[in-house]
Amino acid sequence: MQYKTEIDECLKILHSLENAFECMLQEQVLPLSFFSESHDKIYKLKDQLNKLEEKQFREREEEKKRELEMLNQDNDLPEECMPPKEYVVETTIEEVLESIEELPKEEVSEEIAESSVEFLGDKIGKKLFATIQSSLTFNDKFRFQRDLFSGNSELMNETMNYLNNIESKTEALDYLKEYFSWDWESESVVAFKEILDKRFI
């Protein structure tokens, strides 16, 4: 069994708790040590469950990584089967400024200058991601799966795949508000909206 060691440890803690409670059945007054020891065991159980969840999540991510590596090694695969690529805008400030300097001075109006600033603000230093998944770190995936999708990786991936095909951030947020009852001020939701900002710039 893949997680036998972790599950055995959880069972050991549960049996210990069960025995402690059974011993208290005939007691008229419960000693303070019973409460402190029970709390300690519950915290240990929670810690073991968190470790088990994280181990399973890491193993799944490693399996996906191996699958992607196998795909990359096969040069005969069609382009649509390859993992999503990240695109970086390569225009530099110097190149834009040089192109402006080459124009006749009378043509460099205030309107042109403003549009150039807007162009720089939109493109320079920003990274465009082909998919939402490709912009996530390991910690992002773990946190979003745990906090926003109740630990359901399949639901998280299906939702992100749907969002990848949406045209605007407004449409994406409308969809999420319709299908998920999130606390929109929580750290995880705010972080997820920042990911959407990168996707829909």
C-alpha atoms as a PDB file:
ATOM      1  CA  MET A   1       0.000   0.000   0.000  1.00  0.00           C
ATOM      2  CA  GLN A   2       1.422   3.346  -1.107  1.00  0.00           C
ATOM      3  CA  TYR A   3       0.693   5.343   2.054  1.00  0.00           C
ATOM      4  CA  LYS A   4       0.763   2.519   4.601  1.00  0.00           C
ATOM      5  CA  THR A   5       3.262   4.163   6.963  1.00  0.00           C
ATOM      6  CA  GLU A   6       1.270   7.425   7.199  1.00  0.00           C
ATOM      7  CA  ILE A   7      -2.076   5.678   7.547  1.00  0.00           C
ATOM      8  CA  ASP A   8      -0.706   3.327  10.227  1.00  0.00           C
ATOM      9  CA  GLU A   9       0.499   6.334  12.200  1.00  0.00           C
ATOM     10  CA  CYS A  10      -2.961   7.965  11.958  1.00  0.00           C
ATOM     11  CA  LEU A  11      -4.618   4.748  13.113  1.00  0.00           C
ATOM     12  CA  LYS A  12      -2.227   4.497  16.039  1.00  0.00           C
ATOM     13  CA  ILE A  13      -3.195   7.984  17.186  1.00  0.00           C
ATOM     14  CA  LEU A  14      -6.895   7.242  16.749  1.00  0.00           C
ATOM     15  CA  HIS A  15      -6.640   4.013  18.769  1.00  0.00           C
ATOM     16  CA  SER A  16      -4.786   5.881  21.495  1.00  0.00           C
ATOM     17  CA  LEU A  17      -7.578   8.483  21.620  1.00  0.00           C
ATOM     18  CA  GLU A  18     -10.226   5.766  21.699  1.00  0.00           C
ATOM     19  CA  ASN A  19      -8.519   4.033  24.619  1.00  0.00           C
ATOM     20  CA  ALA A  20      -8.194   7.297  26.515  1.00  0.00           C
ATOM     21  CA  PHE A  21     -11.907   8.044  26.115  1.00  0.00           C
ATOM     22  CA  GLU A  22     -12.922   4.536  27.120  1.00  0.00           C
ATOM     23  CA  CYS A  23     -10.908   4.853  30.326  1.00  0.00           C
ATOM     24  CA  MET A  24     -12.860   8.004  31.180  1.00  0.00           C
ATOM     25  CA  LEU A  25     -16.320   6.404  30.826  1.00  0.00           C
ATOM     26  CA  GLN A  26     -16.545   5.477  34.502  1.00  0.00           C
ATOM     27  CA  GLU A  27     -14.968   8.648  35.838  1.00  0.00           C
ATOM     28  CA  GLN A  28     -17.144  11.247  37.552  1.00  0.00           C
ATOM     29  CA  VAL A  29     -14.582  14.026  37.065  1.00  0.00           C
ATOM     30  CA  LEU A  30     -12.226  14.125  34.115  1.00  0.00           C
ATOM     31  CA  PRO A  31      -8.616  14.998  35.015  1.00  0.00           C
ATOM     32  CA  LEU A  32      -6.937  17.975  33.355  1.00  0.00           C
ATOM     33  CA  SER A  33      -4.288  15.663  31.936  1.00  0.00           C
ATOM     34  CA  PHE A  34      -6.990  13.947  29.873  1.00  0.00           C
ATOM     35  CA  PHE A  35      -7.788  17.175  28.034  1.00  0.00           C
ATOM     36  CA  SER A  36      -4.190  18.204  27.396  1.00  0.00           C
ATOM     37  CA  GLU A  37      -3.177  14.728  26.209  1.00  0.00           C
ATOM     38  CA  SER A  38      -6.242  14.479  23.974  1.00  0.00           C
ATOM     39  CA  HIS A  39      -5.494  17.851  22.418  1.00  0.00           C
ATOM     40  CA  ASP A  40      -1.897  16.795  21.753  1.00  0.00           C
ATOM     41  CA  LYS A  41      -3.061  13.630  20.018  1.00  0.00           C
ATOM     42  CA  ILE A  42      -5.560  15.517  17.902  1.00  0.00           C
ATOM     43  CA  TYR A  43      -2.858  17.971  16.804  1.00  0.00           C
ATOM     44  CA  LYS A  44      -0.579  15.041  15.930  1.00  0.00           C
ATOM     45  CA  LEU A  45      -3.365  13.460  13.896  1.00  0.00           C
ATOM     46  CA  LYS A  46      -3.976  16.711  12.039  1.00  0.00           C
ATOM     47  CA  ASP A  47      -0.257  17.037  11.338  1.00  0.00           C
ATOM     48  CA  GLN A  48      -0.119  13.486   9.956  1.00  0.00           C
ATOM     49  CA  LEU A  49      -3.113  14.145   7.714  1.00  0.00           C
ATOM     50  CA  ASN A  50      -1.503  17.318   6.364  1.00  0.00           C
ATOM     51  CA  LYS A  51       1.711  15.417   5.635  1.00  0.00           C
ATOM     52  CA  LEU A  52      -0.238  12.670   3.887  1.00  0.00           C
ATOM     53  CA  GLU A  53      -2.133  15.195   1.783  1.00  0.00           C
ATOM     54  CA  GLU A  54       1.044  17.040   0.820  1.00  0.00           C
ATOM     55  CA  LYS A  55       2.841  13.784  -0.040  1.00  0.00           C
ATOM     56  CA  GLN A  56       0.035  12.704  -2.328  1.00  0.00           C
ATOM     57  CA  PHE A  57      -0.088  16.116  -3.984  1.00  0.00           C
ATOM     58  CA  ARG A  58       3.682  16.105  -4.588  1.00  0.00           C
ATOM     59  CA  GLU A  59       3.572  12.610  -6.073  1.00  0.00           C
ATOM     60  CA  ARG A  60       0.819  13.599  -8.464  1.00  0.00           C
ATOM     61  CA  GLU A  61       2.747  16.680  -9.545  1.00  0.00           C
ATOM     62  CA  GLU A  62       5.883  14.590 -10.106  1.00  0.00           C
ATOM     63  CA  GLU A  63       3.883  12.116 -12.176  1.00  0.00           C
ATOM     64  CA  LYS A  64       2.545  14.949 -14.341  1.00  0.00           C
ATOM     65  CA  LYS A  65       6.069  16.320 -14.695  1.00  0.00           C
ATOM     66  CA  ARG A  66       7.341  12.918 -15.869  1.00  0.00           C
ATOM     67  CA  GLU A  67       4.540  12.729 -18.417  1.00  0.00           C
ATOM     68  CA  LEU A  68       5.452  16.166 -19.773  1.00  0.00           C
ATOM     69  CA  GLU A  69       9.117  15.176 -19.988  1.00  0.00           C
ATOM     70  CA  MET A  70       8.167  12.100 -21.990  1.00  0.00           C
ATOM     71  CA  LEU A  71       6.136  14.270 -24.352  1.00  0.00           C
ATOM     72  CA  ASN A  72       9.047  16.673 -24.807  1.00  0.00           C
ATOM     73  CA  GLN A  73      11.362  13.809 -25.714  1.00  0.00           C
ATOM     74  CA  ASP A  74       9.153  12.773 -28.619  1.00  0.00           C
ATOM     75  CA  ASN A  75       9.944  15.161 -31.465  1.00  0.00           C
ATOM     76  CA  ASP A  76       7.300  13.631 -33.699  1.00  0.00           C
ATOM     77  CA  LEU A  77       4.391  14.777 -31.576  1.00  0.00           C
ATOM     78  CA  PRO A  78       2.110  17.455 -33.088  1.00  0.00           C
ATOM     79  CA  GLU A  79       2.480  20.923 -31.611  1.00  0.00           C
ATOM     80  CA  GLU A  80      -0.939  20.853 -29.905  1.00  0.00           C
ATOM     81  CA  CYS A  81       0.225  17.892 -27.772  1.00  0.00           C
ATOM     82  CA  MET A  82       3.213  19.757 -26.385  1.00  0.00           C
ATOM     83  CA  PRO A  83       3.007  21.422 -22.930  1.00  0.00           C
ATOM     84  CA  PRO A  84       1.911  25.085 -22.950  1.00  0.00           C
ATOM     85  CA  LYS A  85       4.656  27.596 -23.655  1.00  0.00           C
ATOM     86  CA  GLU A  86       5.281  30.864 -21.878  1.00  0.00           C
ATOM     87  CA  TYR A  87       5.699  33.967 -24.017  1.00  0.00           C
ATOM     88  CA  VAL A  88       7.808  36.930 -22.957  1.00  0.00           C
ATOM     89  CA  VAL A  89       7.644  40.304 -24.687  1.00  0.00           C
ATOM     90  CA  GLU A  90      11.193  41.099 -25.809  1.00  0.00           C
ATOM     91  CA  THR A  91      10.787  44.787 -26.753  1.00  0.00           C
ATOM     92  CA  THR A  92      13.150  46.914 -24.660  1.00  0.00           C
ATOM     93  CA  ILE A  93      12.794  50.528 -23.543  1.00  0.00           C
ATOM     94  CA  GLU A  94      15.919  51.445 -25.524  1.00  0.00           C
ATOM     95  CA  GLU A  95      14.444  50.089 -28.779  1.00  0.00           C
ATOM     96  CA  VAL A  96      11.224  52.065 -28.324  1.00  0.00           C
ATOM     97  CA  LEU A  97      13.097  55.264 -27.492  1.00  0.00           C
ATOM     98  CA  GLU A  98      15.387  54.853 -30.530  1.00  0.00           C
ATOM     99  CA  SER A  99      12.383  54.451 -32.822  1.00  0.00           C
ATOM    100  CA  ILE A 100      10.868  57.669 -31.399  1.00  0.00           C
ATOM    101  CA  GLU A 101      14.128  59.602 -31.825  1.00  0.00           C
ATOM    102  CA  GLU A 102      14.256  58.649 -35.524  1.00  0.00           C
ATOM    103  CA  LEU A 103      10.903  60.383 -36.190  1.00  0.00           C
ATOM    104  CA  PRO A 104      10.799  64.074 -37.227  1.00  0.00           C
ATOM    105  CA  LYS A 105      10.334  66.217 -34.140  1.00  0.00           C
ATOM    106  CA  GLU A 106       7.109  67.746 -35.445  1.00  0.00           C
ATOM    107  CA  GLU A 107       5.520  64.289 -35.628  1.00  0.00           C
ATOM    108  CA  VAL A 108       6.264  63.400 -32.007  1.00  0.00           C
ATOM    109  CA  SER A 109       3.096  64.842 -30.525  1.00  0.00           C
ATOM    110  CA  GLU A 110       1.846  64.542 -27.004  1.00  0.00           C
ATOM    111  CA  GLU A 111      -0.635  61.898 -28.186  1.00  0.00           C
ATOM    112  CA  ILE A 112       2.184  59.729 -29.590  1.00  0.00           C
ATOM    113  CA  ALA A 113       4.197  60.075 -26.394  1.00  0.00           C
ATOM    114  CA  GLU A 114       1.228  59.005 -24.300  1.00  0.00           C
ATOM    115  CA  SER A 115       0.549  55.992 -26.506  1.00  0.00           C
ATOM    116  CA  SER A 116       4.208  54.974 -26.231  1.00  0.00           C
ATOM    117  CA  VAL A 117       4.026  55.084 -22.434  1.00  0.00           C
ATOM    118  CA  GLU A 118       0.889  52.959 -22.518  1.00  0.00           C
ATOM    119  CA  PHE A 119       2.619  50.473 -24.820  1.00  0.00           C
ATOM    120  CA  LEU A 120       5.561  50.188 -22.440  1.00  0.00           C
ATOM    121  CA  GLY A 121       3.317  49.775 -19.411  1.00  0.00           C
ATOM    122  CA  ASP A 122       1.440  46.944 -21.113  1.00  0.00           C
ATOM    123  CA  LYS A 123       4.334  44.988 -22.557  1.00  0.00           C
ATOM    124  CA  ILE A 124       7.721  45.654 -20.981  1.00  0.00           C
ATOM    125  CA  GLY A 125       8.527  43.457 -18.031  1.00  0.00           C
ATOM    126  CA  LYS A 126       5.231  41.561 -18.224  1.00  0.00           C
ATOM    127  CA  LYS A 127       4.941  37.868 -18.963  1.00  0.00           C
ATOM    128  CA  LEU A 128       2.039  36.445 -20.965  1.00  0.00           C
ATOM    129  CA  PHE A 129       1.051  32.899 -20.042  1.00  0.00           C
ATOM    130  CA  ALA A 130      -0.558  30.502 -22.491  1.00  0.00           C
ATOM    131  CA  THR A 131      -2.581  28.900 -19.676  1.00  0.00           C
ATOM    132  CA  ILE A 132      -3.387  29.679 -16.060  1.00  0.00           C
ATOM    133  CA  GLN A 133      -1.715  26.430 -14.966  1.00  0.00           C
ATOM    134  CA  SER A 134       1.602  27.446 -16.550  1.00  0.00           C
ATOM    135  CA  SER A 135       1.758  30.564 -14.355  1.00  0.00           C
ATOM    136  CA  LEU A 136       1.316  28.683 -11.069  1.00  0.00           C
ATOM    137  CA  THR A 137       4.103  27.702  -8.707  1.00  0.00           C
ATOM    138  CA  PHE A 138       3.951  24.450  -6.738  1.00  0.00           C
ATOM    139  CA  ASN A 139       2.858  26.399  -3.657  1.00  0.00           C
ATOM    140  CA  ASP A 140       0.126  28.155  -5.670  1.00  0.00           C
ATOM    141  CA  LYS A 141      -1.296  24.829  -6.852  1.00  0.00           C
ATOM    142  CA  PHE A 142      -1.220  23.332  -3.368  1.00  0.00           C
ATOM    143  CA  ARG A 143      -2.825  26.395  -1.760  1.00  0.00           C
ATOM    144  CA  PHE A 144      -5.548  26.878  -4.407  1.00  0.00           C
ATOM    145  CA  GLN A 145      -6.454  23.188  -4.427  1.00  0.00           C
ATOM    146  CA  ARG A 146      -6.681  23.154  -0.624  1.00  0.00           C
ATOM    147  CA  ASP A 147      -8.374  26.526   0.006  1.00  0.00           C
ATOM    148  CA  LEU A 148     -10.527  27.095  -3.092  1.00  0.00           C
ATOM    149  CA  PHE A 149     -11.374  23.642  -4.439  1.00  0.00           C
ATOM    150  CA  SER A 150     -11.707  21.594  -1.221  1.00  0.00           C
ATOM    151  CA  GLY A 151      -8.653  19.482  -2.099  1.00  0.00           C
ATOM    152  CA  ASN A 152     -10.204  18.363  -5.412  1.00  0.00           C
ATOM    153  CA  SER A 153      -7.438  18.591  -8.048  1.00  0.00           C
ATOM    154  CA  GLU A 154      -9.767  17.411 -10.828  1.00  0.00           C
ATOM    155  CA  LEU A 155     -12.252  20.223 -10.115  1.00  0.00           C
ATOM    156  CA  MET A 156      -9.401  22.756  -9.993  1.00  0.00           C
ATOM    157  CA  ASN A 157      -7.981  21.636 -13.354  1.00  0.00           C
ATOM    158  CA  GLU A 158     -11.398  21.554 -15.027  1.00  0.00           C
ATOM    159  CA  THR A 159     -12.136  25.071 -13.777  1.00  0.00           C
ATOM    160  CA  MET A 160      -8.782  26.421 -14.959  1.00  0.00           C
ATOM    161  CA  ASN A 161      -9.185  24.745 -18.369  1.00  0.00           C
ATOM    162  CA  TYR A 162     -12.553  26.461 -18.720  1.00  0.00           C
ATOM    163  CA  LEU A 163     -11.086  29.833 -17.688  1.00  0.00           C
ATOM    164  CA  ASN A 164      -8.296  29.422 -20.256  1.00  0.00           C
ATOM    165  CA  ASN A 165     -10.934  29.633 -23.010  1.00  0.00           C
ATOM    166  CA  ILE A 166     -12.630  32.755 -21.636  1.00  0.00           C
ATOM    167  CA  GLU A 167     -11.929  36.083 -23.345  1.00  0.00           C
ATOM    168  CA  SER A 168     -11.817  38.508 -20.410  1.00  0.00           C
ATOM    169  CA  LYS A 169     -11.153  38.733 -16.690  1.00  0.00           C
ATOM    170  CA  THR A 170     -14.670  40.098 -16.095  1.00  0.00           C
ATOM    171  CA  GLU A 171     -16.211  37.049 -17.722  1.00  0.00           C
ATOM    172  CA  ALA A 172     -13.904  34.775 -15.691  1.00  0.00           C
ATOM    173  CA  LEU A 173     -14.874  36.423 -12.382  1.00  0.00           C
ATOM    174  CA  ASP A 174     -18.575  36.242 -13.262  1.00  0.00           C
ATOM    175  CA  TYR A 175     -18.196  32.519 -13.866  1.00  0.00           C
ATOM    176  CA  LEU A 176     -16.373  31.944 -10.565  1.00  0.00           C
ATOM    177  CA  LYS A 177     -18.917  33.953  -8.566  1.00  0.00           C
ATOM    178  CA  GLU A 178     -21.743  31.947 -10.113  1.00  0.00           C
ATOM    179  CA  TYR A 179     -20.310  28.519  -9.307  1.00  0.00           C
ATOM    180  CA  PHE A 180     -18.188  29.058  -6.167  1.00  0.00           C
ATOM    181  CA  SER A 181     -19.086  30.527  -2.778  1.00  0.00           C
ATOM    182  CA  TRP A 182     -15.658  31.951  -1.964  1.00  0.00           C
ATOM    183  CA  ASP A 183     -14.676  34.608   0.528  1.00  0.00           C
ATOM    184  CA  TRP A 184     -13.552  37.182  -2.033  1.00  0.00           C
ATOM    185  CA  GLU A 185     -11.434  39.050   0.506  1.00  0.00           C
ATOM    186  CA  SER A 186      -9.416  35.991   1.595  1.00  0.00           C
ATOM    187  CA  GLU A 187      -5.692  35.788   0.777  1.00  0.00           C
ATOM    188  CA  SER A 188      -6.091  32.752  -1.486  1.00  0.00           C
ATOM    189  CA  VAL A 189      -8.882  34.323  -3.548  1.00  0.00           C
ATOM    190  CA  VAL A 190      -6.958  37.606  -3.884  1.00  0.00           C
ATOM    191  CA  ALA A 191      -3.886  35.642  -5.020  1.00  0.00           C
ATOM    192  CA  PHE A 192      -5.989  33.723  -7.538  1.00  0.00           C
ATOM    193  CA  LYS A 193      -7.385  36.980  -8.949  1.00  0.00           C
ATOM    194  CA  GLU A 194      -3.808  38.239  -9.379  1.00  0.00           C
ATOM    195  CA  ILE A 195      -3.109  35.132 -11.468  1.00  0.00           C
ATOM    196  CA  LEU A 196      -6.123  36.045 -13.611  1.00  0.00           C
ATOM    197  CA  ASP A 197      -4.655  39.544 -14.016  1.00  0.00           C
ATOM    198  CA  LYS A 198      -1.567  37.997 -15.628  1.00  0.00           C
ATOM    199  CA  ARG A 199      -3.699  35.768 -17.858  1.00  0.00           C
ATOM    200  CA  PHE A 200      -5.902  38.550 -19.205  1.00  0.00           C
ATOM    201  CA  ILE A 201      -3.516  41.524 -19.564  1.00  0.00           C
END
